[in-house]
Each structure stands twice: as C-alpha cells, then as structure tokens.
C-alpha cells in the first residue's frame, strides 16, 4: 500500500510551525544572554567584536542591584507561603463541599489572574488608600499573593479531583480521624502538586511588574529596577546582565514545576 503524501506532510508542517513559534519566542532571550557578555559599552552593537565578563563584576559591585534582588526574593518567598496555605485551604473547601455561592466564590478567586494586571494593581492601590495603608513591603506581598493563590489553588484542585474517594473511606474505616487522614493519606498525594504550585508561584512573583508598580511605593523590586534602567543608555550592558540573572533564576523553576506536574496522575502509592 502506498501512503498518501498528505498524511505525513500535515504533521511535518505543524511540527515546523511549532518549532518556528518557539524560536520566535525564545530568540530574544538568546540575544539578551549574548549581549550580557558584549565588550562594547553601547550594549547592542552588532556584530559583537569580543566577549567580556566585566559587566558581571560591575553588577556585583552595585548595592542597588543587591537590594532589588533581595527584596524580590523575600517578597516571592512570603507570597508563596501565603499562597500555599490559602490555596490549599480553598481547594479543599471547594473540591468536595457544596454550598450556596460556590460558583461565585470560585470566580472571584480566579479573578486576580484573569483580569489585566493594571486593573488588579489599581484596585489594590485604591483599597490600600481607603485603609490608609502606605505602600511598602507588605502591600507588595499582598499584591503578589492575590495571583499566587490562584496558581496553587488550581494545582491542588486538579490533584484532588483525581484522588479516588476510597482513600478517604478506607482511612475512616480503619479508625483514622480527619487530621490523621489529612497527614498520612491526603498530603502525600498532594505533595508534588503543592511543590509545583509553590515553585511556579515563586517564579511568577519574581517576574511580576505591573501589580508591583502600583503596590511598591518607594521600594524597588528587580523588575521595577530593570524598568528604571531602560532610559539610561550607559547602563544597557549591566541591565542585560541582570535580565540574564532573572532568566537563570526563573526558567529552571518553571521547568521543574512543569516536570512535577507532567505525570500528575495520582495513585494510592504516590509519596
């Protein structure tokens, strides 16, 4: 039997289109990494004459960069902790129980990540002003936690929906109370989903710019610092170095989160 050329051409074209799309999205990241080693002061001269590490040494000497990185990591860690607690609790409440207004509550929960960031930022800033709260560290944490909660919630809900009811029933039949069942049966099944949700929330928090702009006040996270450097041509090379640092921080975390959720089918033997 002779195969129809159309049967293999169509998948090939789709594969080429997919690779082209990935290249279009990731090629600018490659240029940022390359220009971070550019010896020219202008930063974006092409072709690159030679490579150097001096911009990395310059970046290491800048205290403002150290402070921006420390603030971003601290905010991301705190927002992730809050998100893991609240996201797990909301997922547990909405997964099994049925109550009046459940659909409306679910919609409100995912609203911060569904709405444009500028809308969420303005809403948070207005709320802080009404409560006479000055923007600062904790307002940034609250702003980031609003969308980080959704990330963790979605991961945990997806895993809970795969858990068979017989796990709860078998645990109760053997005399375990609710806390014992949660500790030894449910949480081990949720471990990879929680870890993946926390990692992804942390990575997104480090990169967050729009909501942070409205809630940071005078504080500068790393994305805000980068935005401030765009209007300074002499700082282009150092800006590329810091952008590369963000890539190196967030990309492995996102890949790890994807790896943890790729084989997300729950099984009674999962640990």
C-alpha atoms as a PDB file:
ATOM      1  CA  UNK A   1       0.000   0.000   0.000  1.00  0.00           C
ATOM      2  CA  UNK A   2       1.208   3.457  -0.875  1.00  0.00           C
ATOM      3  CA  UNK A   3       0.898   6.130   1.810  1.00  0.00           C
ATOM      4  CA  UNK A   4      -0.778   9.363   0.937  1.00  0.00           C
ATOM      5  CA  UNK A   5       1.785  12.236   0.964  1.00  0.00           C
ATOM      6  CA  UNK A   6      -0.762  14.417   2.715  1.00  0.00           C
ATOM      7  CA  UNK A   7      -0.765  12.091   5.745  1.00  0.00           C
ATOM      8  CA  UNK A   8       2.889  12.879   6.559  1.00  0.00           C
ATOM      9  CA  UNK A   9       3.133  16.391   5.180  1.00  0.00           C
ATOM     10  CA  UNK A  10       0.495  17.782   7.519  1.00  0.00           C
ATOM     11  CA  UNK A  11       2.184  16.675  10.788  1.00  0.00           C
ATOM     12  CA  UNK A  12       5.528  17.834   9.409  1.00  0.00           C
ATOM     13  CA  UNK A  13       4.177  21.284   8.651  1.00  0.00           C
ATOM     14  CA  UNK A  14       2.647  21.519  12.109  1.00  0.00           C
ATOM     15  CA  UNK A  15       5.954  20.477  13.668  1.00  0.00           C
ATOM     16  CA  UNK A  16       7.856  23.084  11.662  1.00  0.00           C
ATOM     17  CA  UNK A  17       5.312  25.752  12.623  1.00  0.00           C
ATOM     18  CA  UNK A  18       5.627  24.794  16.292  1.00  0.00           C
ATOM     19  CA  UNK A  19       9.428  24.991  16.186  1.00  0.00           C
ATOM     20  CA  UNK A  20       9.245  28.327  14.379  1.00  0.00           C
ATOM     21  CA  UNK A  21       6.928  29.699  17.048  1.00  0.00           C
ATOM     22  CA  UNK A  22       9.236  28.526  19.835  1.00  0.00           C
ATOM     23  CA  UNK A  23      12.227  30.073  18.075  1.00  0.00           C
ATOM     24  CA  UNK A  24      10.372  33.373  17.668  1.00  0.00           C
ATOM     25  CA  UNK A  25       9.565  33.449  21.389  1.00  0.00           C
ATOM     26  CA  UNK A  26      12.977  32.401  22.692  1.00  0.00           C
ATOM     27  CA  UNK A  27      15.382  34.037  20.234  1.00  0.00           C
ATOM     28  CA  UNK A  28      15.205  37.425  22.053  1.00  0.00           C
ATOM     29  CA  UNK A  29      16.223  35.650  25.268  1.00  0.00           C
ATOM     30  CA  UNK A  30      19.279  34.293  23.497  1.00  0.00           C
ATOM     31  CA  UNK A  31      20.257  37.783  22.378  1.00  0.00           C
ATOM     32  CA  UNK A  32      19.916  39.116  25.929  1.00  0.00           C
ATOM     33  CA  UNK A  33      22.240  36.386  27.173  1.00  0.00           C
ATOM     34  CA  UNK A  34      24.701  37.114  24.363  1.00  0.00           C
ATOM     35  CA  UNK A  35      24.728  40.884  24.885  1.00  0.00           C
ATOM     36  CA  UNK A  36      25.399  40.410  28.582  1.00  0.00           C
ATOM     37  CA  UNK A  37      28.935  39.386  27.509  1.00  0.00           C
ATOM     38  CA  UNK A  38      29.362  42.154  24.914  1.00  0.00           C
ATOM     39  CA  UNK A  39      32.549  44.168  25.465  1.00  0.00           C
ATOM     40  CA  UNK A  40      31.116  47.278  23.784  1.00  0.00           C
ATOM     41  CA  UNK A  41      29.792  49.982  26.131  1.00  0.00           C
ATOM     42  CA  UNK A  42      26.767  50.574  23.893  1.00  0.00           C
ATOM     43  CA  UNK A  43      25.471  47.125  24.749  1.00  0.00           C
ATOM     44  CA  UNK A  44      23.668  46.394  21.473  1.00  0.00           C
ATOM     45  CA  UNK A  45      26.428  46.754  18.851  1.00  0.00           C
ATOM     46  CA  UNK A  46      26.380  44.093  16.174  1.00  0.00           C
ATOM     47  CA  UNK A  47      28.352  42.131  15.183  1.00  0.00           C
ATOM     48  CA  UNK A  48      29.888  41.574  18.615  1.00  0.00           C
ATOM     49  CA  UNK A  49      33.621  42.232  18.459  1.00  0.00           C
ATOM     50  CA  UNK A  50      34.655  40.468  21.650  1.00  0.00           C
ATOM     51  CA  UNK A  51      33.275  38.966  24.853  1.00  0.00           C
ATOM     52  CA  UNK A  52      33.911  40.065  28.408  1.00  0.00           C
ATOM     53  CA  UNK A  53      32.860  39.389  31.997  1.00  0.00           C
ATOM     54  CA  UNK A  54      33.410  42.933  33.260  1.00  0.00           C
ATOM     55  CA  UNK A  55      29.694  43.758  33.291  1.00  0.00           C
ATOM     56  CA  UNK A  56      29.115  40.895  35.696  1.00  0.00           C
ATOM     57  CA  UNK A  57      31.753  42.302  38.036  1.00  0.00           C
ATOM     58  CA  UNK A  58      30.167  45.747  37.720  1.00  0.00           C
ATOM     59  CA  UNK A  59      26.757  44.308  38.583  1.00  0.00           C
ATOM     60  CA  UNK A  60      28.180  42.511  41.622  1.00  0.00           C
ATOM     61  CA  UNK A  61      29.504  45.841  42.909  1.00  0.00           C
ATOM     62  CA  UNK A  62      26.133  47.612  42.690  1.00  0.00           C
ATOM     63  CA  UNK A  63      24.357  47.723  46.041  1.00  0.00           C
ATOM     64  CA  UNK A  64      21.094  48.838  44.419  1.00  0.00           C
ATOM     65  CA  UNK A  65      21.023  45.589  42.434  1.00  0.00           C
ATOM     66  CA  UNK A  66      21.691  43.558  45.582  1.00  0.00           C
ATOM     67  CA  UNK A  67      18.826  45.303  47.373  1.00  0.00           C
ATOM     68  CA  UNK A  68      16.428  44.808  44.450  1.00  0.00           C
ATOM     69  CA  UNK A  69      17.265  41.085  44.205  1.00  0.00           C
ATOM     70  CA  UNK A  70      16.929  40.594  47.970  1.00  0.00           C
ATOM     71  CA  UNK A  71      13.568  42.372  48.020  1.00  0.00           C
ATOM     72  CA  UNK A  72      12.223  40.362  45.080  1.00  0.00           C
ATOM     73  CA  UNK A  73      13.283  37.043  46.587  1.00  0.00           C
ATOM     74  CA  UNK A  74      11.908  37.962  50.016  1.00  0.00           C
ATOM     75  CA  UNK A  75       8.557  39.076  48.597  1.00  0.00           C
ATOM     76  CA  UNK A  76       8.328  35.976  46.402  1.00  0.00           C
ATOM     77  CA  UNK A  77       9.056  33.667  49.334  1.00  0.00           C
ATOM     78  CA  UNK A  78       6.473  35.308  51.588  1.00  0.00           C
ATOM     79  CA  UNK A  79       3.819  35.461  48.878  1.00  0.00           C
ATOM     80  CA  UNK A  80       4.433  31.793  48.053  1.00  0.00           C
ATOM     81  CA  UNK A  81       3.987  30.716  51.686  1.00  0.00           C
ATOM     82  CA  UNK A  82       0.704  32.635  51.939  1.00  0.00           C
ATOM     83  CA  UNK A  83      -0.445  31.233  48.604  1.00  0.00           C
ATOM     84  CA  UNK A  84       0.324  27.643  49.563  1.00  0.00           C
ATOM     85  CA  UNK A  85      -1.684  27.920  52.773  1.00  0.00           C
ATOM     86  CA  UNK A  86      -4.685  29.771  51.340  1.00  0.00           C
ATOM     87  CA  UNK A  87      -4.606  27.953  48.001  1.00  0.00           C
ATOM     88  CA  UNK A  88      -4.667  24.545  49.693  1.00  0.00           C
ATOM     89  CA  UNK A  89      -7.468  25.513  52.071  1.00  0.00           C
ATOM     90  CA  UNK A  90      -9.667  26.970  49.325  1.00  0.00           C
ATOM     91  CA  UNK A  91      -9.047  23.951  47.105  1.00  0.00           C
ATOM     92  CA  UNK A  92     -10.033  21.566  49.905  1.00  0.00           C
ATOM     93  CA  UNK A  93     -13.185  23.565  50.659  1.00  0.00           C
ATOM     94  CA  UNK A  94     -14.306  23.877  47.052  1.00  0.00           C
ATOM     95  CA  UNK A  95     -13.445  20.352  45.926  1.00  0.00           C
ATOM     96  CA  UNK A  96     -15.911  18.296  47.979  1.00  0.00           C
ATOM     97  CA  UNK A  97     -18.313  20.604  49.771  1.00  0.00           C
ATOM     98  CA  UNK A  98     -21.294  22.151  48.028  1.00  0.00           C
ATOM     99  CA  UNK A  99     -22.704  25.389  49.391  1.00  0.00           C
ATOM    100  CA  UNK A 100     -24.630  28.428  48.246  1.00  0.00           C
ATOM    101  CA  UNK A 101     -22.450  30.786  46.202  1.00  0.00           C
ATOM    102  CA  UNK A 102     -19.733  28.222  45.471  1.00  0.00           C
ATOM    103  CA  UNK A 103     -19.521  29.131  41.767  1.00  0.00           C
ATOM    104  CA  UNK A 104     -19.429  32.842  42.548  1.00  0.00           C
ATOM    105  CA  UNK A 105     -16.663  32.307  45.118  1.00  0.00           C
ATOM    106  CA  UNK A 106     -14.634  30.272  42.613  1.00  0.00           C
ATOM    107  CA  UNK A 107     -14.987  33.012  40.009  1.00  0.00           C
ATOM    108  CA  UNK A 108     -13.891  35.684  42.480  1.00  0.00           C
ATOM    109  CA  UNK A 109     -10.922  33.540  43.484  1.00  0.00           C
ATOM    110  CA  UNK A 110      -9.521  33.312  39.955  1.00  0.00           C
ATOM    111  CA  UNK A 111     -10.358  36.915  39.098  1.00  0.00           C
ATOM    112  CA  UNK A 112      -6.941  38.420  40.034  1.00  0.00           C
ATOM    113  CA  UNK A 113      -5.142  36.277  37.477  1.00  0.00           C
ATOM    114  CA  UNK A 114      -7.879  36.532  34.839  1.00  0.00           C
ATOM    115  CA  UNK A 115      -8.086  40.336  34.933  1.00  0.00           C
ATOM    116  CA  UNK A 116      -5.366  42.528  33.402  1.00  0.00           C
ATOM    117  CA  UNK A 117      -2.633  43.285  35.910  1.00  0.00           C
ATOM    118  CA  UNK A 118      -3.267  47.012  35.697  1.00  0.00           C
ATOM    119  CA  UNK A 119      -6.854  46.508  36.892  1.00  0.00           C
ATOM    120  CA  UNK A 120      -5.716  44.415  39.848  1.00  0.00           C
ATOM    121  CA  UNK A 121      -2.995  46.944  40.666  1.00  0.00           C
ATOM    122  CA  UNK A 122      -5.365  49.919  40.633  1.00  0.00           C
ATOM    123  CA  UNK A 123      -7.914  48.038  42.727  1.00  0.00           C
ATOM    124  CA  UNK A 124      -5.301  47.119  45.340  1.00  0.00           C
ATOM    125  CA  UNK A 125      -3.907  50.647  45.456  1.00  0.00           C
ATOM    126  CA  UNK A 126      -7.391  52.083  45.940  1.00  0.00           C
ATOM    127  CA  UNK A 127      -8.084  49.611  48.739  1.00  0.00           C
ATOM    128  CA  UNK A 128      -4.810  50.450  50.478  1.00  0.00           C
ATOM    129  CA  UNK A 129      -5.543  54.172  50.257  1.00  0.00           C
ATOM    130  CA  UNK A 130      -9.030  53.675  51.707  1.00  0.00           C
ATOM    131  CA  UNK A 131      -7.478  51.784  54.638  1.00  0.00           C
ATOM    132  CA  UNK A 132      -4.742  54.435  54.928  1.00  0.00           C
ATOM    133  CA  UNK A 133      -2.009  51.848  54.398  1.00  0.00           C
ATOM    134  CA  UNK A 134       1.242  53.159  52.995  1.00  0.00           C
ATOM    135  CA  UNK A 135       2.638  51.125  50.070  1.00  0.00           C
ATOM    136  CA  UNK A 136       5.658  49.074  51.045  1.00  0.00           C
ATOM    137  CA  UNK A 137       6.900  45.558  51.591  1.00  0.00           C
ATOM    138  CA  UNK A 138       3.665  44.031  52.855  1.00  0.00           C
ATOM    139  CA  UNK A 139       1.496  45.675  50.211  1.00  0.00           C
ATOM    140  CA  UNK A 140       3.734  44.111  47.566  1.00  0.00           C
ATOM    141  CA  UNK A 141       3.401  40.731  49.283  1.00  0.00           C
ATOM    142  CA  UNK A 142      -0.402  41.026  49.365  1.00  0.00           C
ATOM    143  CA  UNK A 143      -0.483  42.070  45.718  1.00  0.00           C
ATOM    144  CA  UNK A 144       1.612  39.083  44.656  1.00  0.00           C
ATOM    145  CA  UNK A 145      -0.309  36.685  46.888  1.00  0.00           C
ATOM    146  CA  UNK A 146      -3.573  37.564  45.101  1.00  0.00           C
ATOM    147  CA  UNK A 147      -2.484  35.779  41.931  1.00  0.00           C
ATOM    148  CA  UNK A 148      -0.126  33.266  43.557  1.00  0.00           C
ATOM    149  CA  UNK A 149      -3.089  31.828  45.486  1.00  0.00           C
ATOM    150  CA  UNK A 150      -4.782  31.038  42.176  1.00  0.00           C
ATOM    151  CA  UNK A 151      -1.709  29.169  40.902  1.00  0.00           C
ATOM    152  CA  UNK A 152      -1.532  26.925  43.966  1.00  0.00           C
ATOM    153  CA  UNK A 153      -5.322  26.523  44.116  1.00  0.00           C
ATOM    154  CA  UNK A 154      -5.537  25.287  40.524  1.00  0.00           C
ATOM    155  CA  UNK A 155      -2.750  22.743  41.031  1.00  0.00           C
ATOM    156  CA  UNK A 156      -4.249  21.359  44.225  1.00  0.00           C
ATOM    157  CA  UNK A 157      -7.806  21.232  42.850  1.00  0.00           C
ATOM    158  CA  UNK A 158      -6.608  19.326  39.794  1.00  0.00           C
ATOM    159  CA  UNK A 159      -4.892  16.750  42.004  1.00  0.00           C
ATOM    160  CA  UNK A 160      -7.804  16.446  44.454  1.00  0.00           C
ATOM    161  CA  UNK A 161     -10.201  15.697  41.609  1.00  0.00           C
ATOM    162  CA  UNK A 162      -8.040  12.721  40.640  1.00  0.00           C
ATOM    163  CA  UNK A 163      -7.955  11.247  44.128  1.00  0.00           C
ATOM    164  CA  UNK A 164     -10.390   8.346  44.478  1.00  0.00           C
ATOM    165  CA  UNK A 165     -12.926   8.600  47.298  1.00  0.00           C
ATOM    166  CA  UNK A 166     -11.909   5.148  48.512  1.00  0.00           C
ATOM    167  CA  UNK A 167      -8.751   6.619  50.049  1.00  0.00           C
ATOM    168  CA  UNK A 168     -10.790   8.742  52.471  1.00  0.00           C
ATOM    169  CA  UNK A 169     -13.271   5.930  53.073  1.00  0.00           C
ATOM    170  CA  UNK A 170     -10.579   3.315  53.757  1.00  0.00           C
ATOM    171  CA  UNK A 171      -8.805   5.619  56.174  1.00  0.00           C
ATOM    172  CA  UNK A 172     -12.003   6.357  58.090  1.00  0.00           C
ATOM    173  CA  UNK A 173     -12.973   2.681  58.152  1.00  0.00           C
ATOM    174  CA  UNK A 174      -9.619   1.890  59.761  1.00  0.00           C
ATOM    175  CA  UNK A 175     -10.353   4.350  62.566  1.00  0.00           C
ATOM    176  CA  UNK A 176      -8.299   7.389  61.458  1.00  0.00           C
ATOM    177  CA  UNK A 177      -9.672  10.793  62.291  1.00  0.00           C
ATOM    178  CA  UNK A 178      -9.723  13.752  59.875  1.00  0.00           C
ATOM    179  CA  UNK A 179      -6.288  15.115  60.833  1.00  0.00           C
ATOM    180  CA  UNK A 180      -4.657  11.691  60.601  1.00  0.00           C
ATOM    181  CA  UNK A 181      -6.208  11.109  57.182  1.00  0.00           C
ATOM    182  CA  UNK A 182      -5.033  14.531  56.056  1.00  0.00           C
ATOM    183  CA  UNK A 183      -1.489  13.974  57.297  1.00  0.00           C
ATOM    184  CA  UNK A 184      -0.844  10.437  56.136  1.00  0.00           C
ATOM    185  CA  UNK A 185      -3.177   9.997  53.151  1.00  0.00           C
ATOM    186  CA  UNK A 186      -4.082  13.322  51.533  1.00  0.00           C
ATOM    187  CA  UNK A 187      -0.939  15.423  51.928  1.00  0.00           C
ATOM    188  CA  UNK A 188       1.421  12.762  50.474  1.00  0.00           C
ATOM    189  CA  UNK A 189      -0.846  12.618  47.432  1.00  0.00           C
ATOM    190  CA  UNK A 190      -0.768  16.398  47.116  1.00  0.00           C
ATOM    191  CA  UNK A 191       2.971  16.825  47.676  1.00  0.00           C
ATOM    192  CA  UNK A 192       4.052  17.190  44.042  1.00  0.00           C
ATOM    193  CA  UNK A 193       1.073  19.410  43.191  1.00  0.00           C
ATOM    194  CA  UNK A 194       1.840  21.676  46.150  1.00  0.00           C
ATOM    195  CA  UNK A 195       5.522  21.803  45.290  1.00  0.00           C
ATOM    196  CA  UNK A 196       4.839  22.565  41.639  1.00  0.00           C
ATOM    197  CA  UNK A 197       2.308  25.257  42.529  1.00  0.00           C
ATOM    198  CA  UNK A 198       4.694  26.833  45.025  1.00  0.00           C
ATOM    199  CA  UNK A 199       7.599  26.832  42.574  1.00  0.00           C
ATOM    200  CA  UNK A 200       5.520  28.363  39.808  1.00  0.00           C
ATOM    201  CA  UNK A 201       4.075  30.985  42.171  1.00  0.00           C
ATOM    202  CA  UNK A 202       7.584  31.909  43.329  1.00  0.00           C
ATOM    203  CA  UNK A 203       8.854  32.264  39.757  1.00  0.00           C
ATOM    204  CA  UNK A 204       5.891  34.414  38.701  1.00  0.00           C
ATOM    205  CA  UNK A 205       6.279  36.608  41.777  1.00  0.00           C
ATOM    206  CA  UNK A 206       9.939  37.296  41.000  1.00  0.00           C
ATOM    207  CA  UNK A 207       8.957  38.421  37.471  1.00  0.00           C
ATOM    208  CA  UNK A 208       5.859  40.432  38.417  1.00  0.00           C
ATOM    209  CA  UNK A 209       5.945  44.083  37.326  1.00  0.00           C
ATOM    210  CA  UNK A 210       2.509  45.623  36.725  1.00  0.00           C
ATOM    211  CA  UNK A 211       0.847  44.873  40.074  1.00  0.00           C
ATOM    212  CA  UNK A 212       4.125  45.670  41.840  1.00  0.00           C
ATOM    213  CA  UNK A 213       4.258  49.118  40.232  1.00  0.00           C
ATOM    214  CA  UNK A 214       1.014  50.089  41.992  1.00  0.00           C
ATOM    215  CA  UNK A 215       1.785  48.496  45.362  1.00  0.00           C
ATOM    216  CA  UNK A 216       5.527  49.070  45.847  1.00  0.00           C
ATOM    217  CA  UNK A 217       5.619  52.737  46.777  1.00  0.00           C
ATOM    218  CA  UNK A 218       9.285  53.750  47.029  1.00  0.00           C
ATOM    219  CA  UNK A 219      10.559  50.156  47.165  1.00  0.00           C
ATOM    220  CA  UNK A 220      12.231  48.687  44.096  1.00  0.00           C
ATOM    221  CA  UNK A 221      11.924  45.040  43.196  1.00  0.00           C
ATOM    222  CA  UNK A 222      14.124  43.663  40.457  1.00  0.00           C
ATOM    223  CA  UNK A 223      11.599  44.140  37.596  1.00  0.00           C
ATOM    224  CA  UNK A 224      10.976  47.746  38.692  1.00  0.00           C
ATOM    225  CA  UNK A 225      14.726  48.339  38.816  1.00  0.00           C
ATOM    226  CA  UNK A 226      15.043  46.999  35.272  1.00  0.00           C
ATOM    227  CA  UNK A 227      12.280  49.300  34.036  1.00  0.00           C
ATOM    228  CA  UNK A 228      14.068  52.255  35.568  1.00  0.00           C
ATOM    229  CA  UNK A 229      17.295  51.361  33.737  1.00  0.00           C
ATOM    230  CA  UNK A 230      15.743  51.308  30.260  1.00  0.00           C
ATOM    231  CA  UNK A 231      16.035  55.084  29.993  1.00  0.00           C
ATOM    232  CA  UNK A 232      19.763  55.008  30.751  1.00  0.00           C
ATOM    233  CA  UNK A 233      21.743  54.023  27.624  1.00  0.00           C
ATOM    234  CA  UNK A 234      25.020  53.801  29.547  1.00  0.00           C
ATOM    235  CA  UNK A 235      23.565  51.105  31.797  1.00  0.00           C
ATOM    236  CA  UNK A 236      22.413  48.816  28.975  1.00  0.00           C
ATOM    237  CA  UNK A 237      25.155  46.223  29.465  1.00  0.00           C
ATOM    238  CA  UNK A 238      24.516  45.897  33.200  1.00  0.00           C
ATOM    239  CA  UNK A 239      20.779  45.710  32.524  1.00  0.00           C
ATOM    240  CA  UNK A 240      21.388  42.738  30.231  1.00  0.00           C
ATOM    241  CA  UNK A 241      23.369  41.035  32.994  1.00  0.00           C
ATOM    242  CA  UNK A 242      20.532  41.489  35.495  1.00  0.00           C
ATOM    243  CA  UNK A 243      17.967  40.311  32.932  1.00  0.00           C
ATOM    244  CA  UNK A 244      20.083  37.214  32.392  1.00  0.00           C
ATOM    245  CA  UNK A 245      20.144  36.667  36.162  1.00  0.00           C
ATOM    246  CA  UNK A 246      16.337  36.738  36.261  1.00  0.00           C
ATOM    247  CA  UNK A 247      16.220  34.203  33.440  1.00  0.00           C
ATOM    248  CA  UNK A 248      18.613  31.909  35.283  1.00  0.00           C
ATOM    249  CA  UNK A 249      16.505  32.181  38.460  1.00  0.00           C
ATOM    250  CA  UNK A 250      13.049  31.670  36.982  1.00  0.00           C
ATOM    251  CA  UNK A 251      13.492  29.354  33.999  1.00  0.00           C
ATOM    252  CA  UNK A 252      14.770  26.319  35.967  1.00  0.00           C
ATOM    253  CA  UNK A 253      11.938  26.787  38.467  1.00  0.00           C
ATOM    254  CA  UNK A 254       9.306  26.835  35.735  1.00  0.00           C
ATOM    255  CA  UNK A 255      10.823  23.752  34.082  1.00  0.00           C
ATOM    256  CA  UNK A 256      10.882  21.951  37.436  1.00  0.00           C
ATOM    257  CA  UNK A 257       7.220  22.835  38.060  1.00  0.00           C
ATOM    258  CA  UNK A 258       6.336  21.501  34.611  1.00  0.00           C
ATOM    259  CA  UNK A 259       8.286  18.314  35.298  1.00  0.00           C
ATOM    260  CA  UNK A 260       6.462  17.738  38.578  1.00  0.00           C
ATOM    261  CA  UNK A 261       3.009  18.187  37.031  1.00  0.00           C
ATOM    262  CA  UNK A 262       3.684  16.388  33.748  1.00  0.00           C
ATOM    263  CA  UNK A 263       2.903  12.992  35.235  1.00  0.00           C
ATOM    264  CA  UNK A 264       0.273  14.311  37.605  1.00  0.00           C
ATOM    265  CA  UNK A 265      -1.971  11.278  37.750  1.00  0.00           C
ATOM    266  CA  UNK A 266      -2.462  10.487  41.433  1.00  0.00           C
ATOM    267  CA  UNK A 267      -2.088   6.942  42.617  1.00  0.00           C
ATOM    268  CA  UNK A 268      -2.524   5.368  46.015  1.00  0.00           C
ATOM    269  CA  UNK A 269       1.188   4.510  46.108  1.00  0.00           C
ATOM    270  CA  UNK A 270       2.382   8.073  45.384  1.00  0.00           C
ATOM    271  CA  UNK A 271       4.580   9.663  48.010  1.00  0.00           C
END
